[in-house]
Amino acid sequence: MLIEPLPAPGRMGRTMRDRRQVVNGILWKLSTGAAWRDLPEHYGPWKTVYERFRLWSADGTWDRLPAHVQQHSDAVGAVDWTIVCVDSTTVRAQQHAAGARNRGRTGRARRSAGPGAG
């Protein structure tokens, strides 16, 4: 099972929902952007899914999960390392790449001179 790093169900209180059902509910919510209360019933009670998401976020489970899945997939040869993708959300561009106006030297000199200058 690829999602083994998920915490095992506890023994106190009610029996815990199936982890796959909870994970699918969390992924549905995150992919749609809908409110937790709008979670379809087949994922279980929205409060249960939300609480599990909150707990797993707090204890670092969501941080460990992608690394575990990648490691497992690489071990069975399911990862193609020849393909490299750079997402623009992780690459910082200079302000000029975004279309900022270039003021030249006179604009910079005027700004750095302080109030009342020139």
C-alpha atoms as a PDB file:
ATOM      1  CA  MET A   1       0.000   0.000   0.000  1.00  0.00           C
ATOM      2  CA  LEU A   2       1.531   3.298  -1.066  1.00  0.00           C
ATOM      3  CA  ILE A   3       0.004   5.350   1.737  1.00  0.00           C
ATOM      4  CA  GLU A   4       1.543   3.359   4.601  1.00  0.00           C
ATOM      5  CA  PRO A   5       3.022   6.466   6.302  1.00  0.00           C
ATOM      6  CA  LEU A   6      -0.509   7.482   7.298  1.00  0.00           C
ATOM      7  CA  PRO A   7      -0.977   7.020  11.047  1.00  0.00           C
ATOM      8  CA  ALA A   8      -2.654   3.765  12.031  1.00  0.00           C
ATOM      9  CA  PRO A   9      -6.177   3.949  13.417  1.00  0.00           C
ATOM     10  CA  GLY A  10      -6.386   4.441  17.175  1.00  0.00           C
ATOM     11  CA  ARG A  11      -8.226   2.093  19.479  1.00  0.00           C
ATOM     12  CA  MET A  12     -10.049   4.656  21.614  1.00  0.00           C
ATOM     13  CA  GLY A  13     -13.551   5.848  20.775  1.00  0.00           C
ATOM     14  CA  ARG A  14     -15.301   4.875  17.568  1.00  0.00           C
ATOM     15  CA  THR A  15     -13.698   2.782  14.882  1.00  0.00           C
ATOM     16  CA  MET A  16     -11.748   4.899  12.437  1.00  0.00           C
ATOM     17  CA  ARG A  17     -12.974   5.313   8.865  1.00  0.00           C
ATOM     18  CA  ASP A  18     -11.119   3.635   6.055  1.00  0.00           C
ATOM     19  CA  ARG A  19      -7.974   5.684   5.408  1.00  0.00           C
ATOM     20  CA  ARG A  20      -8.413   5.408   1.638  1.00  0.00           C
ATOM     21  CA  GLN A  21     -11.911   6.904   1.908  1.00  0.00           C
ATOM     22  CA  VAL A  22     -10.603   9.753   4.068  1.00  0.00           C
ATOM     23  CA  VAL A  23      -7.650  10.443   1.745  1.00  0.00           C
ATOM     24  CA  ASN A  24      -9.967  10.458  -1.274  1.00  0.00           C
ATOM     25  CA  GLY A  25     -12.239  12.925   0.534  1.00  0.00           C
ATOM     26  CA  ILE A  26      -9.301  15.194   1.340  1.00  0.00           C
ATOM     27  CA  LEU A  27      -8.034  15.041  -2.244  1.00  0.00           C
ATOM     28  CA  TRP A  28     -11.528  15.788  -3.576  1.00  0.00           C
ATOM     29  CA  LYS A  29     -11.811  18.834  -1.315  1.00  0.00           C
ATOM     30  CA  LEU A  30      -8.348  20.133  -2.225  1.00  0.00           C
ATOM     31  CA  SER A  31      -8.832  19.591  -5.958  1.00  0.00           C
ATOM     32  CA  THR A  32     -12.244  21.267  -6.119  1.00  0.00           C
ATOM     33  CA  GLY A  33     -11.676  24.089  -3.651  1.00  0.00           C
ATOM     34  CA  ALA A  34     -15.149  23.454  -2.232  1.00  0.00           C
ATOM     35  CA  ALA A  35     -16.008  24.062   1.405  1.00  0.00           C
ATOM     36  CA  TRP A  36     -15.514  21.130   3.793  1.00  0.00           C
ATOM     37  CA  ARG A  37     -19.261  21.071   4.426  1.00  0.00           C
ATOM     38  CA  ASP A  38     -19.866  20.390   0.711  1.00  0.00           C
ATOM     39  CA  LEU A  39     -17.926  17.106   0.811  1.00  0.00           C
ATOM     40  CA  PRO A  40     -19.991  14.343  -0.884  1.00  0.00           C
ATOM     41  CA  GLU A  41     -21.466  11.831   1.561  1.00  0.00           C
ATOM     42  CA  HIS A  42     -19.638   8.826   0.083  1.00  0.00           C
ATOM     43  CA  TYR A  43     -16.387  10.189   1.587  1.00  0.00           C
ATOM     44  CA  GLY A  44     -17.896  10.056   5.058  1.00  0.00           C
ATOM     45  CA  PRO A  45     -18.757  12.864   7.478  1.00  0.00           C
ATOM     46  CA  TRP A  46     -17.020  16.084   6.481  1.00  0.00           C
ATOM     47  CA  LYS A  47     -15.936  16.724  10.079  1.00  0.00           C
ATOM     48  CA  THR A  48     -14.104  13.388  10.190  1.00  0.00           C
ATOM     49  CA  VAL A  49     -12.302  14.090   6.906  1.00  0.00           C
ATOM     50  CA  TYR A  50     -11.427  17.625   8.014  1.00  0.00           C
ATOM     51  CA  GLU A  51     -10.124  16.474  11.410  1.00  0.00           C
ATOM     52  CA  ARG A  52      -7.924  13.829   9.801  1.00  0.00           C
ATOM     53  CA  PHE A  53      -6.576  16.429   7.341  1.00  0.00           C
ATOM     54  CA  ARG A  54      -5.872  18.815  10.206  1.00  0.00           C
ATOM     55  CA  LEU A  55      -4.165  16.156  12.354  1.00  0.00           C
ATOM     56  CA  TRP A  56      -2.074  14.800   9.478  1.00  0.00           C
ATOM     57  CA  SER A  57      -1.030  18.339   8.561  1.00  0.00           C
ATOM     58  CA  ALA A  58       0.012  19.092  12.132  1.00  0.00           C
ATOM     59  CA  ASP A  59       2.058  15.915  12.636  1.00  0.00           C
ATOM     60  CA  GLY A  60       3.886  16.178   9.284  1.00  0.00           C
ATOM     61  CA  THR A  61       2.216  13.215   7.586  1.00  0.00           C
ATOM     62  CA  TRP A  62       1.436  15.218   4.436  1.00  0.00           C
ATOM     63  CA  ASP A  63       5.108  16.199   4.236  1.00  0.00           C
ATOM     64  CA  ARG A  64       6.293  12.578   4.457  1.00  0.00           C
ATOM     65  CA  LEU A  65       3.707  11.079   2.110  1.00  0.00           C
ATOM     66  CA  PRO A  66       5.011  12.379  -1.278  1.00  0.00           C
ATOM     67  CA  ALA A  67       8.571  11.320  -0.424  1.00  0.00           C
ATOM     68  CA  HIS A  68       7.356   7.831   0.499  1.00  0.00           C
ATOM     69  CA  VAL A  69       5.322   7.441  -2.696  1.00  0.00           C
ATOM     70  CA  GLN A  70       8.238   8.676  -4.816  1.00  0.00           C
ATOM     71  CA  GLN A  71      10.652   6.310  -3.066  1.00  0.00           C
ATOM     72  CA  HIS A  72       8.320   3.341  -3.532  1.00  0.00           C
ATOM     73  CA  SER A  73       7.662   4.205  -7.187  1.00  0.00           C
ATOM     74  CA  ASP A  74      11.379   4.574  -7.868  1.00  0.00           C
ATOM     75  CA  ALA A  75      12.089   1.195  -6.254  1.00  0.00           C
ATOM     76  CA  VAL A  76       9.702  -0.562  -8.656  1.00  0.00           C
ATOM     77  CA  GLY A  77      11.024   1.408 -11.653  1.00  0.00           C
ATOM     78  CA  ALA A  78       7.909   3.529 -12.154  1.00  0.00           C
ATOM     79  CA  VAL A  79       9.735   6.890 -12.104  1.00  0.00           C
ATOM     80  CA  ASP A  80      11.217   8.223 -15.339  1.00  0.00           C
ATOM     81  CA  TRP A  81      14.123  10.417 -14.225  1.00  0.00           C
ATOM     82  CA  THR A  82      14.898  11.491 -17.816  1.00  0.00           C
ATOM     83  CA  ILE A  83      11.996  13.920 -17.777  1.00  0.00           C
ATOM     84  CA  VAL A  84      12.628  17.145 -15.897  1.00  0.00           C
ATOM     85  CA  CYS A  85       9.914  19.690 -15.281  1.00  0.00           C
ATOM     86  CA  VAL A  86      10.450  23.107 -13.775  1.00  0.00           C
ATOM     87  CA  ASP A  87       7.297  24.689 -12.450  1.00  0.00           C
ATOM     88  CA  SER A  88       7.173  28.473 -12.725  1.00  0.00           C
ATOM     89  CA  THR A  89       5.825  28.733  -9.189  1.00  0.00           C
ATOM     90  CA  THR A  90       9.221  27.663  -7.857  1.00  0.00           C
ATOM     91  CA  VAL A  91      11.409  29.757 -10.150  1.00  0.00           C
ATOM     92  CA  ARG A  92      11.791  33.372  -9.182  1.00  0.00           C
ATOM     93  CA  ALA A  93      12.097  35.793 -12.081  1.00  0.00           C
ATOM     94  CA  GLN A  94      13.454  39.298 -11.979  1.00  0.00           C
ATOM     95  CA  GLN A  95      10.915  42.090 -11.767  1.00  0.00           C
ATOM     96  CA  HIS A  96      11.611  43.026 -15.385  1.00  0.00           C
ATOM     97  CA  ALA A  97      10.461  39.593 -16.550  1.00  0.00           C
ATOM     98  CA  ALA A  98       7.012  40.418 -15.211  1.00  0.00           C
ATOM     99  CA  GLY A  99       6.765  43.621 -17.250  1.00  0.00           C
ATOM    100  CA  ALA A 100       7.852  46.121 -14.590  1.00  0.00           C
ATOM    101  CA  ARG A 101       8.801  49.491 -16.028  1.00  0.00           C
ATOM    102  CA  ASN A 102      12.554  50.097 -16.203  1.00  0.00           C
ATOM    103  CA  ARG A 103      13.182  53.634 -14.908  1.00  0.00           C
ATOM    104  CA  GLY A 104      16.862  53.714 -15.781  1.00  0.00           C
ATOM    105  CA  ARG A 105      19.586  55.411 -13.749  1.00  0.00           C
ATOM    106  CA  THR A 106      17.815  58.724 -13.239  1.00  0.00           C
ATOM    107  CA  GLY A 107      14.825  57.092 -11.552  1.00  0.00           C
ATOM    108  CA  ARG A 108      16.999  55.077  -9.180  1.00  0.00           C
ATOM    109  CA  ALA A 109      19.179  58.058  -8.336  1.00  0.00           C
ATOM    110  CA  ARG A 110      16.131  60.196  -7.590  1.00  0.00           C
ATOM    111  CA  ARG A 111      14.609  57.525  -5.320  1.00  0.00           C
ATOM    112  CA  SER A 112      17.806  56.951  -3.367  1.00  0.00           C
ATOM    113  CA  ALA A 113      18.401  60.650  -2.769  1.00  0.00           C
ATOM    114  CA  GLY A 114      15.625  60.751  -0.184  1.00  0.00           C
ATOM    115  CA  PRO A 115      12.728  63.181   0.393  1.00  0.00           C
ATOM    116  CA  GLY A 116      13.010  66.632  -1.049  1.00  0.00           C
ATOM    117  CA  ALA A 117      15.739  65.715  -3.487  1.00  0.00           C
ATOM    118  CA  GLY A 118      15.597  66.921  -7.045  1.00  0.00           C
END
